[in-house]
Amino acid sequence: FADGDRVLTDAEAAEIASTSGFICIEKNHAI
């Protein structure tokens, strides 16, 4: 995933980590 505008909130990071142990940060994240 990516959000070009911002970083994840704490809740978003926790939710994604709860579903997967294998993640890729997409091309333009938080630029």
PDB file of all heavy atoms in Angstrom:
ATOM      1  N   PHE A   1       0.829  -1.200   0.000  1.00  0.00           N
ATOM      2  CA  PHE A   1       0.000   0.000   0.000  1.00  0.00           C
ATOM      3  C   PHE A   1       0.862   1.247   0.000  1.00  0.00           C
ATOM      4  O   PHE A   1       2.053   1.222   0.294  1.00  0.00           O
ATOM      5  CB  PHE A   1      -0.873   0.025   1.261  1.00  0.00           C
ATOM      6  CG  PHE A   1      -0.066   0.149   2.517  1.00  0.00           C
ATOM      7  CD1 PHE A   1       0.324   1.389   3.003  1.00  0.00           C
ATOM      8  CD2 PHE A   1       0.355  -0.982   3.187  1.00  0.00           C
ATOM      9  CE1 PHE A   1       1.102   1.506   4.141  1.00  0.00           C
ATOM     10  CE2 PHE A   1       1.141  -0.870   4.329  1.00  0.00           C
ATOM     11  CZ  PHE A   1       1.512   0.378   4.802  1.00  0.00           C
ATOM     12  N   ALA A   2       0.216   2.380  -0.294  1.00  0.00           N
ATOM     13  CA  ALA A   2       0.839   3.698  -0.159  1.00  0.00           C
ATOM     14  C   ALA A   2      -0.232   4.745   0.063  1.00  0.00           C
ATOM     15  O   ALA A   2      -1.347   4.637  -0.450  1.00  0.00           O
ATOM     16  CB  ALA A   2       1.652   4.051  -1.406  1.00  0.00           C
ATOM     17  N   ASP A   3       0.123   5.758   0.823  1.00  0.00           N
ATOM     18  CA  ASP A   3      -0.613   7.013   0.874  1.00  0.00           C
ATOM     19  C   ASP A   3       0.426   8.091   0.635  1.00  0.00           C
ATOM     20  O   ASP A   3       1.303   8.309   1.478  1.00  0.00           O
ATOM     21  CB  ASP A   3      -1.301   7.198   2.223  1.00  0.00           C
ATOM     22  CG  ASP A   3      -2.195   8.441   2.244  1.00  0.00           C
ATOM     23  OD1 ASP A   3      -1.768   9.496   1.719  1.00  0.00           O
ATOM     24  OD2 ASP A   3      -3.315   8.358   2.787  1.00  0.00           O
ATOM     25  N   GLY A   4       0.364   8.744  -0.502  1.00  0.00           N
ATOM     26  CA  GLY A   4       1.388   9.713  -0.857  1.00  0.00           C
ATOM     27  C   GLY A   4       1.424  10.931   0.036  1.00  0.00           C
ATOM     28  O   GLY A   4       2.417  11.669   0.057  1.00  0.00           O
ATOM     29  N   ASP A   5       0.355  11.173   0.793  1.00  0.00           N
ATOM     30  CA  ASP A   5       0.270  12.379   1.610  1.00  0.00           C
ATOM     31  C   ASP A   5       0.861  12.232   3.006  1.00  0.00           C
ATOM     32  O   ASP A   5       1.384  13.206   3.563  1.00  0.00           O
ATOM     33  CB  ASP A   5      -1.191  12.819   1.750  1.00  0.00           C
ATOM     34  CG  ASP A   5      -1.779  13.305   0.439  1.00  0.00           C
ATOM     35  OD1 ASP A   5      -1.026  13.900  -0.356  1.00  0.00           O
ATOM     36  OD2 ASP A   5      -2.979  13.075   0.209  1.00  0.00           O
ATOM     37  N   ARG A   6       0.782  11.027   3.588  1.00  0.00           N
ATOM     38  CA  ARG A   6       1.042  10.932   5.024  1.00  0.00           C
ATOM     39  C   ARG A   6       1.547   9.554   5.425  1.00  0.00           C
ATOM     40  O   ARG A   6       1.545   8.620   4.625  1.00  0.00           O
ATOM     41  CB  ARG A   6      -0.244  11.220   5.795  1.00  0.00           C
ATOM     42  CG  ARG A   6      -1.358  10.197   5.486  1.00  0.00           C
ATOM     43  CD  ARG A   6      -2.606  10.476   6.297  1.00  0.00           C
ATOM     44  NE  ARG A   6      -3.693   9.532   6.018  1.00  0.00           N
ATOM     45  CZ  ARG A   6      -3.833   8.369   6.638  1.00  0.00           C
ATOM     46  NH1 ARG A   6      -2.950   7.962   7.550  1.00  0.00           N
ATOM     47  NH2 ARG A   6      -4.863   7.576   6.339  1.00  0.00           N
ATOM     48  N   VAL A   7       1.954   9.451   6.681  1.00  0.00           N
ATOM     49  CA  VAL A   7       2.298   8.162   7.268  1.00  0.00           C
ATOM     50  C   VAL A   7       1.043   7.558   7.892  1.00  0.00           C
ATOM     51  O   VAL A   7      -0.005   8.215   8.004  1.00  0.00           O
ATOM     52  CB  VAL A   7       3.408   8.307   8.331  1.00  0.00           C
ATOM     53  CG1 VAL A   7       4.686   8.858   7.700  1.00  0.00           C
ATOM     54  CG2 VAL A   7       2.946   9.180   9.492  1.00  0.00           C
ATOM     55  N   LEU A   8       1.127   6.323   8.309  1.00  0.00           N
ATOM     56  CA  LEU A   8       0.004   5.653   8.949  1.00  0.00           C
ATOM     57  C   LEU A   8      -0.262   6.221  10.336  1.00  0.00           C
ATOM     58  O   LEU A   8       0.660   6.654  11.035  1.00  0.00           O
ATOM     59  CB  LEU A   8       0.299   4.155   9.091  1.00  0.00           C
ATOM     60  CG  LEU A   8       0.517   3.341   7.822  1.00  0.00           C
ATOM     61  CD1 LEU A   8       0.905   1.915   8.190  1.00  0.00           C
ATOM     62  CD2 LEU A   8      -0.717   3.347   6.950  1.00  0.00           C
ATOM     63  N   THR A   9      -1.500   6.169  10.739  1.00  0.00           N
ATOM     64  CA  THR A   9      -1.816   6.414  12.141  1.00  0.00           C
ATOM     65  C   THR A   9      -1.435   5.166  12.942  1.00  0.00           C
ATOM     66  O   THR A   9      -1.227   4.082  12.381  1.00  0.00           O
ATOM     67  CB  THR A   9      -3.310   6.700  12.341  1.00  0.00           C
ATOM     68  OG1 THR A   9      -4.065   5.511  12.033  1.00  0.00           O
ATOM     69  CG2 THR A   9      -3.775   7.839  11.451  1.00  0.00           C
ATOM     70  N   ASP A  10      -1.387   5.305  14.261  1.00  0.00           N
ATOM     71  CA  ASP A  10      -1.071   4.147  15.096  1.00  0.00           C
ATOM     72  C   ASP A  10      -2.110   3.044  14.911  1.00  0.00           C
ATOM     73  O   ASP A  10      -1.767   1.856  14.843  1.00  0.00           O
ATOM     74  CB  ASP A  10      -1.008   4.556  16.569  1.00  0.00           C
ATOM     75  CG  ASP A  10       0.198   5.423  16.890  1.00  0.00           C
ATOM     76  OD1 ASP A  10       1.149   5.450  16.072  1.00  0.00           O
ATOM     77  OD2 ASP A  10       0.188   6.077  17.958  1.00  0.00           O
ATOM     78  N   ALA A  11      -3.361   3.427  14.818  1.00  0.00           N
ATOM     79  CA  ALA A  11      -4.431   2.430  14.655  1.00  0.00           C
ATOM     80  C   ALA A  11      -4.314   1.716  13.316  1.00  0.00           C
ATOM     81  O   ALA A  11      -4.529   0.503  13.226  1.00  0.00           O
ATOM     82  CB  ALA A  11      -5.792   3.103  14.794  1.00  0.00           C
ATOM     83  N   GLU A  12      -3.990   2.451  12.261  1.00  0.00           N
ATOM     84  CA  GLU A  12      -3.841   1.832  10.938  1.00  0.00           C
ATOM     85  C   GLU A  12      -2.666   0.864  10.915  1.00  0.00           C
ATOM     86  O   GLU A  12      -2.764  -0.240  10.364  1.00  0.00           O
ATOM     87  CB  GLU A  12      -3.656   2.927   9.889  1.00  0.00           C
ATOM     88  CG  GLU A  12      -4.914   3.735   9.625  1.00  0.00           C
ATOM     89  CD  GLU A  12      -4.642   4.993   8.807  1.00  0.00           C
ATOM     90  OE1 GLU A  12      -3.466   5.406   8.698  1.00  0.00           O
ATOM     91  OE2 GLU A  12      -5.616   5.565   8.278  1.00  0.00           O
ATOM     92  N   ALA A  13      -1.550   1.278  11.495  1.00  0.00           N
ATOM     93  CA  ALA A  13      -0.382   0.397  11.532  1.00  0.00           C
ATOM     94  C   ALA A  13      -0.698  -0.876  12.299  1.00  0.00           C
ATOM     95  O   ALA A  13      -0.330  -1.986  11.876  1.00  0.00           O
ATOM     96  CB  ALA A  13       0.807   1.117  12.153  1.00  0.00           C
ATOM     97  N   ALA A  14      -1.383  -0.751  13.414  1.00  0.00           N
ATOM     98  CA  ALA A  14      -1.729  -1.922  14.213  1.00  0.00           C
ATOM     99  C   ALA A  14      -2.674  -2.851  13.465  1.00  0.00           C
ATOM    100  O   ALA A  14      -2.530  -4.081  13.525  1.00  0.00           O
ATOM    101  CB  ALA A  14      -2.356  -1.480  15.537  1.00  0.00           C
ATOM    102  N   GLU A  15      -3.635  -2.282  12.746  1.00  0.00           N
ATOM    103  CA  GLU A  15      -4.586  -3.107  11.997  1.00  0.00           C
ATOM    104  C   GLU A  15      -3.886  -3.883  10.891  1.00  0.00           C
ATOM    105  O   GLU A  15      -4.108  -5.087  10.709  1.00  0.00           O
ATOM    106  CB  GLU A  15      -5.692  -2.233  11.411  1.00  0.00           C
ATOM    107  CG  GLU A  15      -6.668  -2.984  10.512  1.00  0.00           C
ATOM    108  CD  GLU A  15      -7.368  -4.147  11.187  1.00  0.00           C
ATOM    109  OE1 GLU A  15      -7.528  -4.125  12.436  1.00  0.00           O
ATOM    110  OE2 GLU A  15      -7.759  -5.095  10.484  1.00  0.00           O
ATOM    111  N   ILE A  16      -3.024  -3.225  10.127  1.00  0.00           N
ATOM    112  CA  ILE A  16      -2.324  -3.912   9.040  1.00  0.00           C
ATOM    113  C   ILE A  16      -1.406  -4.997   9.590  1.00  0.00           C
ATOM    114  O   ILE A  16      -1.357  -6.122   9.075  1.00  0.00           O
ATOM    115  CB  ILE A  16      -1.554  -2.893   8.184  1.00  0.00           C
ATOM    116  CG1 ILE A  16      -2.545  -2.004   7.426  1.00  0.00           C
ATOM    117  CG2 ILE A  16      -0.622  -3.594   7.199  1.00  0.00           C
ATOM    118  CD1 ILE A  16      -1.906  -0.835   6.699  1.00  0.00           C
ATOM    119  N   ALA A  17      -0.680  -4.681  10.655  1.00  0.00           N
ATOM    120  CA  ALA A  17       0.220  -5.672  11.247  1.00  0.00           C
ATOM    121  C   ALA A  17      -0.545  -6.859  11.821  1.00  0.00           C
ATOM    122  O   ALA A  17       0.000  -7.963  11.916  1.00  0.00           O
ATOM    123  CB  ALA A  17       1.078  -5.019  12.321  1.00  0.00           C
ATOM    124  N   SER A  18      -1.813  -6.650  12.201  1.00  0.00           N
ATOM    125  CA  SER A  18      -2.607  -7.756  12.750  1.00  0.00           C
ATOM    126  C   SER A  18      -3.027  -8.753  11.684  1.00  0.00           C
ATOM    127  O   SER A  18      -3.437  -9.870  12.001  1.00  0.00           O
ATOM    128  CB  SER A  18      -3.850  -7.208  13.457  1.00  0.00           C
ATOM    129  OG  SER A  18      -4.838  -6.778  12.526  1.00  0.00           O
ATOM    130  N   THR A  19      -2.946  -8.355  10.410  1.00  0.00           N
ATOM    131  CA  THR A  19      -3.374  -9.243   9.328  1.00  0.00           C
ATOM    132  C   THR A  19      -2.215  -9.918   8.619  1.00  0.00           C
ATOM    133  O   THR A  19      -2.418 -10.914   7.924  1.00  0.00           O
ATOM    134  CB  THR A  19      -4.181  -8.468   8.261  1.00  0.00           C
ATOM    135  OG1 THR A  19      -3.332  -7.498   7.625  1.00  0.00           O
ATOM    136  CG2 THR A  19      -5.369  -7.756   8.888  1.00  0.00           C
ATOM    137  N   SER A  20      -0.987  -9.377   8.755  1.00  0.00           N
ATOM    138  CA  SER A  20       0.103  -9.865   7.917  1.00  0.00           C
ATOM    139  C   SER A  20       1.458  -9.660   8.565  1.00  0.00           C
ATOM    140  O   SER A  20       1.689  -8.655   9.249  1.00  0.00           O
ATOM    141  CB  SER A  20       0.081  -9.131   6.565  1.00  0.00           C
ATOM    142  OG  SER A  20       1.165  -9.540   5.746  1.00  0.00           O
ATOM    143  N   GLY A  21       2.367 -10.603   8.293  1.00  0.00           N
ATOM    144  CA  GLY A  21       3.765 -10.460   8.680  1.00  0.00           C
ATOM    145  C   GLY A  21       4.666 -10.247   7.488  1.00  0.00           C
ATOM    146  O   GLY A  21       5.893 -10.352   7.606  1.00  0.00           O
ATOM    147  N   PHE A  22       4.052  -9.934   6.340  1.00  0.00           N
ATOM    148  CA  PHE A  22       4.803  -9.753   5.090  1.00  0.00           C
ATOM    149  C   PHE A  22       4.179  -8.581   4.348  1.00  0.00           C
ATOM    150  O   PHE A  22       3.053  -8.672   3.848  1.00  0.00           O
ATOM    151  CB  PHE A  22       4.733 -11.030   4.270  1.00  0.00           C
ATOM    152  CG  PHE A  22       5.674 -11.078   3.093  1.00  0.00           C
ATOM    153  CD1 PHE A  22       6.855 -10.354   3.075  1.00  0.00           C
ATOM    154  CD2 PHE A  22       5.386 -11.893   1.999  1.00  0.00           C
ATOM    155  CE1 PHE A  22       7.725 -10.414   1.996  1.00  0.00           C
ATOM    156  CE2 PHE A  22       6.253 -11.966   0.924  1.00  0.00           C
ATOM    157  CZ  PHE A  22       7.427 -11.223   0.918  1.00  0.00           C
ATOM    158  N   ILE A  23       4.910  -7.462   4.282  1.00  0.00           N
ATOM    159  CA  ILE A  23       4.354  -6.181   3.836  1.00  0.00           C
ATOM    160  C   ILE A  23       5.323  -5.490   2.896  1.00  0.00           C
ATOM    161  O   ILE A  23       6.535  -5.577   3.079  1.00  0.00           O
ATOM    162  CB  ILE A  23       4.075  -5.276   5.057  1.00  0.00           C
ATOM    163  CG1 ILE A  23       2.965  -5.880   5.930  1.00  0.00           C
ATOM    164  CG2 ILE A  23       3.704  -3.860   4.645  1.00  0.00           C
ATOM    165  CD1 ILE A  23       2.803  -5.184   7.273  1.00  0.00           C
ATOM    166  N   CYS A  24       4.790  -4.784   1.903  1.00  0.00           N
ATOM    167  CA  CYS A  24       5.600  -3.914   1.051  1.00  0.00           C
ATOM    168  C   CYS A  24       5.019  -2.505   1.103  1.00  0.00           C
ATOM    169  O   CYS A  24       3.808  -2.316   1.010  1.00  0.00           O
ATOM    170  CB  CYS A  24       5.618  -4.405  -0.396  1.00  0.00           C
ATOM    171  SG  CYS A  24       6.539  -3.317  -1.513  1.00  0.00           S
ATOM    172  N   ILE A  25       5.902  -1.515   1.267  1.00  0.00           N
ATOM    173  CA  ILE A  25       5.489  -0.118   1.235  1.00  0.00           C
ATOM    174  C   ILE A  25       5.568   0.356  -0.214  1.00  0.00           C
ATOM    175  O   ILE A  25       6.629   0.369  -0.819  1.00  0.00           O
ATOM    176  CB  ILE A  25       6.386   0.752   2.132  1.00  0.00           C
ATOM    177  CG1 ILE A  25       6.498   0.124   3.526  1.00  0.00           C
ATOM    178  CG2 ILE A  25       5.834   2.167   2.205  1.00  0.00           C
ATOM    179  CD1 ILE A  25       5.195  -0.068   4.246  1.00  0.00           C
ATOM    180  N   GLU A  26       4.442   0.711  -0.775  1.00  0.00           N
ATOM    181  CA  GLU A  26       4.318   1.025  -2.204  1.00  0.00           C
ATOM    182  C   GLU A  26       5.059   2.306  -2.585  1.00  0.00           C
ATOM    183  O   GLU A  26       5.489   3.092  -1.739  1.00  0.00           O
ATOM    184  CB  GLU A  26       2.826   1.101  -2.546  1.00  0.00           C
ATOM    185  CG  GLU A  26       2.459   1.497  -3.948  1.00  0.00           C
ATOM    186  CD  GLU A  26       2.756   0.440  -5.003  1.00  0.00           C
ATOM    187  OE1 GLU A  26       3.071  -0.709  -4.642  1.00  0.00           O
ATOM    188  OE2 GLU A  26       2.687   0.761  -6.207  1.00  0.00           O
ATOM    189  N   LYS A  27       5.156   2.563  -3.861  1.00  0.00           N
ATOM    190  CA  LYS A  27       6.126   3.450  -4.504  1.00  0.00           C
ATOM    191  C   LYS A  27       6.245   4.871  -3.967  1.00  0.00           C
ATOM    192  O   LYS A  27       7.334   5.424  -3.969  1.00  0.00           O
ATOM    193  CB  LYS A  27       5.851   3.505  -6.015  1.00  0.00           C
ATOM    194  CG  LYS A  27       4.495   4.104  -6.396  1.00  0.00           C
ATOM    195  CD  LYS A  27       4.328   4.226  -7.905  1.00  0.00           C
ATOM    196  CE  LYS A  27       4.034   2.918  -8.565  1.00  0.00           C
ATOM    197  NZ  LYS A  27       2.704   2.371  -8.224  1.00  0.00           N
ATOM    198  N   ASN A  28       5.139   5.489  -3.555  1.00  0.00           N
ATOM    199  CA  ASN A  28       5.187   6.915  -3.221  1.00  0.00           C
ATOM    200  C   ASN A  28       4.745   7.213  -1.800  1.00  0.00           C
ATOM    201  O   ASN A  28       4.329   8.328  -1.490  1.00  0.00           O
ATOM    202  CB  ASN A  28       4.319   7.713  -4.198  1.00  0.00           C
ATOM    203  CG  ASN A  28       2.837   7.376  -4.054  1.00  0.00           C
ATOM    204  OD1 ASN A  28       2.492   6.265  -3.640  1.00  0.00           O
ATOM    205  ND2 ASN A  28       1.967   8.304  -4.402  1.00  0.00           N
ATOM    206  N   HIS A  29       4.861   6.244  -0.913  1.00  0.00           N
ATOM    207  CA  HIS A  29       4.296   6.409   0.422  1.00  0.00           C
ATOM    208  C   HIS A  29       4.955   7.554   1.188  1.00  0.00           C
ATOM    209  O   HIS A  29       6.172   7.626   1.317  1.00  0.00           O
ATOM    210  CB  HIS A  29       4.434   5.113   1.223  1.00  0.00           C
ATOM    211  CG  HIS A  29       3.768   5.173   2.560  1.00  0.00           C
ATOM    212  ND1 HIS A  29       2.405   5.294   2.703  1.00  0.00           N
ATOM    213  CD2 HIS A  29       4.270   5.166   3.820  1.00  0.00           C
ATOM    214  CE1 HIS A  29       2.093   5.333   3.979  1.00  0.00           C
ATOM    215  NE2 HIS A  29       3.214   5.267   4.684  1.00  0.00           N
ATOM    216  N   ALA A  30       4.120   8.460   1.681  1.00  0.00           N
ATOM    217  CA  ALA A  30       4.504   9.557   2.577  1.00  0.00           C
ATOM    218  C   ALA A  30       5.485  10.545   1.963  1.00  0.00           C
ATOM    219  O   ALA A  30       6.163  11.267   2.691  1.00  0.00           O
ATOM    220  CB  ALA A  30       5.082   8.994   3.875  1.00  0.00           C
ATOM    221  N   ILE A  31       5.539  10.653   0.620  1.00  0.00           N
ATOM    222  CA  ILE A  31       6.531  11.569   0.040  1.00  0.00           C
ATOM    223  C   ILE A  31       6.207  13.031   0.368  1.00  0.00           C
ATOM    224  O   ILE A  31       7.117  13.846   0.526  1.00  0.00           O
ATOM    225  CB  ILE A  31       6.677  11.376  -1.487  1.00  0.00           C
ATOM    226  CG1 ILE A  31       5.336  11.566  -2.217  1.00  0.00           C
ATOM    227  CG2 ILE A  31       7.275  10.027  -1.806  1.00  0.00           C
ATOM    228  CD1 ILE A  31       5.488  11.648  -3.717  1.00  0.00           C
TER     229      ILE A  31
END
